[in-house]
C-alpha atoms as a PDB file:
ATOM      1  CA  MET A   1      66.340  29.078 174.280  1.00  0.00           C
ATOM      2  CA  PHE A   2      69.862  30.181 173.374  1.00  0.00           C
ATOM      3  CA  CYS A   3      71.070  33.149 171.521  1.00  0.00           C
ATOM      4  CA  ASP A   4      71.838  32.785 167.535  1.00  0.00           C
ATOM      5  CA  LYS A   5      74.778  35.085 167.841  1.00  0.00           C
ATOM      6  CA  CYS A   6      76.626  34.311 171.139  1.00  0.00           C
ATOM      7  CA  GLY A   7      74.929  30.932 172.403  1.00  0.00           C
ATOM      8  CA  LYS A   8      74.212  32.160 175.741  1.00  0.00           C
ATOM      9  CA  GLU A   9      70.908  31.243 177.433  1.00  0.00           C
ATOM     10  CA  ILE A  10      68.062  33.333 176.830  1.00  0.00           C
ATOM     11  CA  LYS A  11      64.722  33.481 179.436  1.00  0.00           C
ATOM     12  CA  GLU A  12      61.376  33.127 177.696  1.00  0.00           C
ATOM     13  CA  GLY A  13      59.841  36.467 176.810  1.00  0.00           C
ATOM     14  CA  ASP A  14      62.948  38.229 176.357  1.00  0.00           C
ATOM     15  CA  LYS A  15      63.356  40.102 173.071  1.00  0.00           C
ATOM     16  CA  PHE A  16      67.007  40.713 173.604  1.00  0.00           C
ATOM     17  CA  CYS A  17      69.805  38.602 174.647  1.00  0.00           C
ATOM     18  CA  ASN A  18      71.448  39.860 178.001  1.00  0.00           C
ATOM     19  CA  SER A  19      74.916  39.127 177.122  1.00  0.00           C
ATOM     20  CA  CYS A  20      75.503  40.287 173.556  1.00  0.00           C
ATOM     21  CA  GLY A  21      72.411  42.423 172.806  1.00  0.00           C
ATOM     22  CA  ALA A  22      71.243  40.352 169.658  1.00  0.00           C
ATOM     23  CA  VAL A  23      67.384  40.628 169.056  1.00  0.00           C
ATOM     24  CA  VAL A  24      65.844  37.336 169.689  1.00  0.00           C
ATOM     25  CA  GLY A  25      63.998  35.598 166.900  1.00  0.00           C
ATOM     26  CA  VAL A  26      65.104  37.721 164.026  1.00  0.00           C
ATOM     27  CA  ASN A  27      63.783  36.353 160.819  1.00  0.00           C
ATOM     28  CA  GLU A  28      65.872  36.465 157.495  1.00  0.00           C
ATOM     29  CA  LYS A  29      63.536  38.955 156.039  1.00  0.00           C
ATOM     30  CA  LYS A  30      64.697  41.564 158.595  1.00  0.00           C
ATOM     31  CA  ASN A  31      68.170  40.968 157.843  1.00  0.00           C
ATOM     32  CA  TYR A  32      67.253  41.067 154.028  1.00  0.00           C
ATOM     33  CA  TRP A  33      66.122  44.841 154.249  1.00  0.00           C
ATOM     34  CA  LYS A  34      69.206  45.756 156.620  1.00  0.00           C
ATOM     35  CA  TYR A  35      71.320  44.449 153.537  1.00  0.00           C
ATOM     36  CA  LEU A  36      68.988  46.464 150.990  1.00  0.00           C
ATOM     37  CA  GLY A  37      69.659  49.460 152.761  1.00  0.00           C
ATOM     38  CA  TYR A  38      73.379  49.125 152.633  1.00  0.00           C
ATOM     39  CA  ALA A  39      73.030  48.438 149.161  1.00  0.00           C
ATOM     40  CA  TRP A  40      71.052  51.436 148.538  1.00  0.00           C
ATOM     41  CA  THR A  41      73.699  53.609 150.148  1.00  0.00           C
ATOM     42  CA  VAL A  42      76.322  51.993 147.894  1.00  0.00           C
ATOM     43  CA  ILE A  43      74.020  52.742 144.763  1.00  0.00           C
ATOM     44  CA  VAL A  44      73.611  56.270 145.773  1.00  0.00           C
ATOM     45  CA  ASN A  45      77.237  56.903 146.170  1.00  0.00           C
ATOM     46  CA  LEU A  46      78.033  55.280 142.950  1.00  0.00           C
ATOM     47  CA  ILE A  47      75.263  57.468 141.280  1.00  0.00           C
ATOM     48  CA  THR A  48      77.328  60.453 143.156  1.00  0.00           C
ATOM     49  CA  ILE A  49      80.756  59.453 141.660  1.00  0.00           C
ATOM     50  CA  GLY A  50      78.992  59.377 138.339  1.00  0.00           C
ATOM     51  CA  VAL A  51      77.579  62.921 138.489  1.00  0.00           C
ATOM     52  CA  VAL A  52      81.251  64.162 139.496  1.00  0.00           C
ATOM     53  CA  PHE A  53      82.618  62.481 136.355  1.00  0.00           C
ATOM     54  CA  ALA A  54      79.982  64.034 134.391  1.00  0.00           C
ATOM     55  CA  ILE A  55      80.582  67.322 135.994  1.00  0.00           C
ATOM     56  CA  TYR A  56      84.328  67.157 135.226  1.00  0.00           C
ATOM     57  CA  GLY A  57      83.309  65.800 131.610  1.00  0.00           C
ATOM     58  CA  SER A  58      81.251  69.206 130.814  1.00  0.00           C
ATOM     59  CA  VAL A  59      83.912  71.572 131.668  1.00  0.00           C
ATOM     60  CA  TYR A  60      86.887  72.275 129.835  1.00  0.00           C
ATOM     61  CA  ALA A  61      88.779  75.223 130.916  1.00  0.00           C
ATOM     62  CA  SER A  62      90.951  74.917 133.492  1.00  0.00           C
ATOM     63  CA  PHE A  63      89.672  77.753 135.479  1.00  0.00           C
ATOM     64  CA  GLU A  64      86.230  76.001 135.651  1.00  0.00           C
ATOM     65  CA  ILE A  65      87.873  72.933 136.347  1.00  0.00           C
ATOM     66  CA  ILE A  66      89.799  74.580 139.243  1.00  0.00           C
ATOM     67  CA  VAL A  67      86.825  76.272 140.494  1.00  0.00           C
ATOM     68  CA  ILE A  68      84.367  72.975 140.447  1.00  0.00           C
ATOM     69  CA  SER A  69      87.339  71.096 142.295  1.00  0.00           C
ATOM     70  CA  LEU A  70      87.639  73.763 145.048  1.00  0.00           C
ATOM     71  CA  LEU A  71      83.629  73.488 145.504  1.00  0.00           C
ATOM     72  CA  ILE A  72      83.594  69.848 145.742  1.00  0.00           C
ATOM     73  CA  LEU A  73      86.511  69.641 147.993  1.00  0.00           C
ATOM     74  CA  ILE A  74      84.517  72.384 150.572  1.00  0.00           C
ATOM     75  CA  TYR A  75      81.161  70.383 149.948  1.00  0.00           C
ATOM     76  CA  LEU A  76      83.197  67.386 151.027  1.00  0.00           C
ATOM     77  CA  SER A  77      84.678  68.660 154.039  1.00  0.00           C
ATOM     78  CA  PHE A  78      81.518  69.616 155.500  1.00  0.00           C
ATOM     79  CA  GLN A  79      80.188  66.233 154.865  1.00  0.00           C
ATOM     80  CA  SER A  80      83.101  64.630 156.384  1.00  0.00           C
ATOM     81  CA  PHE A  81      82.710  67.307 159.305  1.00  0.00           C
ATOM     82  CA  SER A  82      79.073  66.374 159.843  1.00  0.00           C
ATOM     83  CA  MET A  83      79.915  62.560 159.744  1.00  0.00           C
ATOM     84  CA  ILE A  84      82.519  62.994 162.381  1.00  0.00           C
ATOM     85  CA  TYR A  85      80.240  64.975 164.329  1.00  0.00           C
ATOM     86  CA  GLY A  86      77.747  62.468 164.117  1.00  0.00           C
ATOM     87  CA  LYS A  87      79.759  59.553 165.247  1.00  0.00           C
ATOM     88  CA  THR A  88      81.156  61.944 168.264  1.00  0.00           C
ATOM     89  CA  THR A  89      77.603  62.740 169.303  1.00  0.00           C
ATOM     90  CA  ALA A  90      76.639  58.777 169.503  1.00  0.00           C
ATOM     91  CA  GLU A  91      79.515  57.692 170.995  1.00  0.00           C
ATOM     92  CA  THR A  92      79.110  60.776 173.844  1.00  0.00           C
ATOM     93  CA  ALA A  93      75.691  59.545 174.554  1.00  0.00           C
ATOM     94  CA  PHE A  94      76.507  55.895 174.688  1.00  0.00           C
ATOM     95  CA  ALA A  95      79.405  56.997 177.177  1.00  0.00           C
ATOM     96  CA  LEU A  96      76.897  58.819 179.355  1.00  0.00           C
ATOM     97  CA  ASP A  97      74.591  56.200 179.230  1.00  0.00           C
ATOM     98  CA  ALA A  98      76.863  53.733 180.480  1.00  0.00           C
ATOM     99  CA  GLU A  99      77.747  56.050 183.353  1.00  0.00           C
ATOM    100  CA  PHE A 100      74.240  56.701 184.109  1.00  0.00           C
ATOM    101  CA  LYS A 101      73.859  52.745 184.614  1.00  0.00           C
ATOM    102  CA  ARG A 102      76.846  52.379 186.659  1.00  0.00           C
ATOM    103  CA  ILE A 103      75.024  55.341 188.552  1.00  0.00           C
ATOM    104  CA  ARG A 104      72.260  53.484 189.015  1.00  0.00           C
ATOM    105  CA  ARG A 105      73.876  50.225 190.196  1.00  0.00           C
ATOM    106  CA  LEU A 106      75.057  51.977 192.850  1.00  0.00           C
ATOM    107  CA  LEU A 107      71.941  53.399 193.754  1.00  0.00           C
ATOM    108  CA  LYS A 108      70.296  50.165 193.234  1.00  0.00           C
ATOM    109  CA  ASP A 109      67.702  51.321 190.890  1.00  0.00           C
ATOM    110  CA  GLU A 110      67.803  48.998 188.104  1.00  0.00           C
ATOM    111  CA  PRO A 111      66.201  50.166 184.691  1.00  0.00           C
ATOM    112  CA  ASP A 112      63.036  48.399 183.877  1.00  0.00           C
ATOM    113  CA  GLU A 113      62.542  46.108 180.756  1.00  0.00           C
ATOM    114  CA  TYR A 114      61.249  48.860 178.476  1.00  0.00           C
ATOM    115  CA  GLU A 115      64.203  51.129 179.008  1.00  0.00           C
ATOM    116  CA  THR A 116      66.480  48.045 178.356  1.00  0.00           C
ATOM    117  CA  GLU A 117      64.674  47.739 175.220  1.00  0.00           C
ATOM    118  CA  GLU A 118      64.690  51.063 173.956  1.00  0.00           C
ATOM    119  CA  ILE A 119      68.227  51.170 174.794  1.00  0.00           C
ATOM    120  CA  GLN A 120      69.122  48.192 172.767  1.00  0.00           C
ATOM    121  CA  GLU A 121      67.040  49.297 169.828  1.00  0.00           C
ATOM    122  CA  ALA A 122      68.806  52.659 169.963  1.00  0.00           C
ATOM    123  CA  LYS A 123      72.305  51.016 169.876  1.00  0.00           C
ATOM    124  CA  LYS A 124      70.912  48.724 166.902  1.00  0.00           C
ATOM    125  CA  LYS A 125      70.114  51.870 164.961  1.00  0.00           C
ATOM    126  CA  VAL A 126      73.423  53.695 165.793  1.00  0.00           C
ATOM    127  CA  GLY A 127      75.294  50.678 164.554  1.00  0.00           C
ATOM    128  CA  LYS A 128      73.319  50.364 161.225  1.00  0.00           C
ATOM    129  CA  ALA A 129      73.922  54.304 161.036  1.00  0.00           C
ATOM    130  CA  MET A 130      77.933  53.705 161.370  1.00  0.00           C
ATOM    131  CA  VAL A 131      78.035  51.057 158.888  1.00  0.00           C
ATOM    132  CA  LYS A 132      76.631  53.724 156.394  1.00  0.00           C
ATOM    133  CA  MET A 133      78.721  56.402 157.533  1.00  0.00           C
ATOM    134  CA  TYR A 134      81.697  54.126 157.040  1.00  0.00           C
ATOM    135  CA  ILE A 135      80.390  53.485 153.496  1.00  0.00           C
ATOM    136  CA  ASN A 136      79.721  57.041 152.871  1.00  0.00           C
ATOM    137  CA  ALA A 137      83.498  57.635 154.209  1.00  0.00           C
ATOM    138  CA  GLY A 138      85.021  55.401 151.553  1.00  0.00           C
ATOM    139  CA  PHE A 139      83.092  56.979 148.579  1.00  0.00           C
ATOM    140  CA  ILE A 140      83.602  60.320 149.916  1.00  0.00           C
ATOM    141  CA  PHE A 141      87.581  59.639 149.934  1.00  0.00           C
ATOM    142  CA  ILE A 142      87.464  58.308 146.487  1.00  0.00           C
ATOM    143  CA  ILE A 143      85.676  61.852 145.532  1.00  0.00           C
ATOM    144  CA  TYR A 144      88.349  63.688 147.307  1.00  0.00           C
ATOM    145  CA  LEU A 145      90.953  61.801 145.045  1.00  0.00           C
ATOM    146  CA  ILE A 146      88.942  62.671 141.890  1.00  0.00           C
ATOM    147  CA  ALA A 147      88.470  66.027 142.801  1.00  0.00           C
ATOM    148  CA  LEU A 148      92.220  66.317 144.057  1.00  0.00           C
ATOM    149  CA  PHE A 149      93.378  64.544 140.546  1.00  0.00           C
ATOM    150  CA  HIS A 150      91.319  67.313 138.232  1.00  0.00           C
ATOM    151  CA  LEU A 151      92.703  70.385 140.562  1.00  0.00           C
ATOM    152  CA  PHE A 152      96.188  69.477 140.261  1.00  0.00           C
ATOM    153  CA  GLY A 153      95.867  68.432 136.491  1.00  0.00           C
ATOM    154  CA  ALA A 154      94.346  72.036 135.924  1.00  0.00           C
ATOM    155  CA  LEU A 155      97.319  73.681 137.625  1.00  0.00           C
END
């Protein structure tokens, strides 16, 4: 059997490709749910942009616009910080994992199949979360621009 992603040979019974880490035998239904999760992330962000426009549509005094803009910018700053912190934490964890693997190879203590499978699953989940984080970051940037536009328009 060969990997659908990279074309390398896969041993019978393996659940992951040893070369690229792809899941063996992934059916299209699982991919459908993956993309549905991304679509849901986009929909929620579009709703958020709609709420931001609704908030700005309901305030008329320049003082209110300035306060709302500053509150939105503060909230977005916290969101951005949490995304950066999460990404950094995940990268650190995988860097430590790579270092532990190197040390285990030096000690000739190879991880068992369960450990390898667990790490591959974690990498898949983090990869999916990173895609959603980048989608959110794009929408956060758009909301930043909207808030700045209204803030400078009110000044």
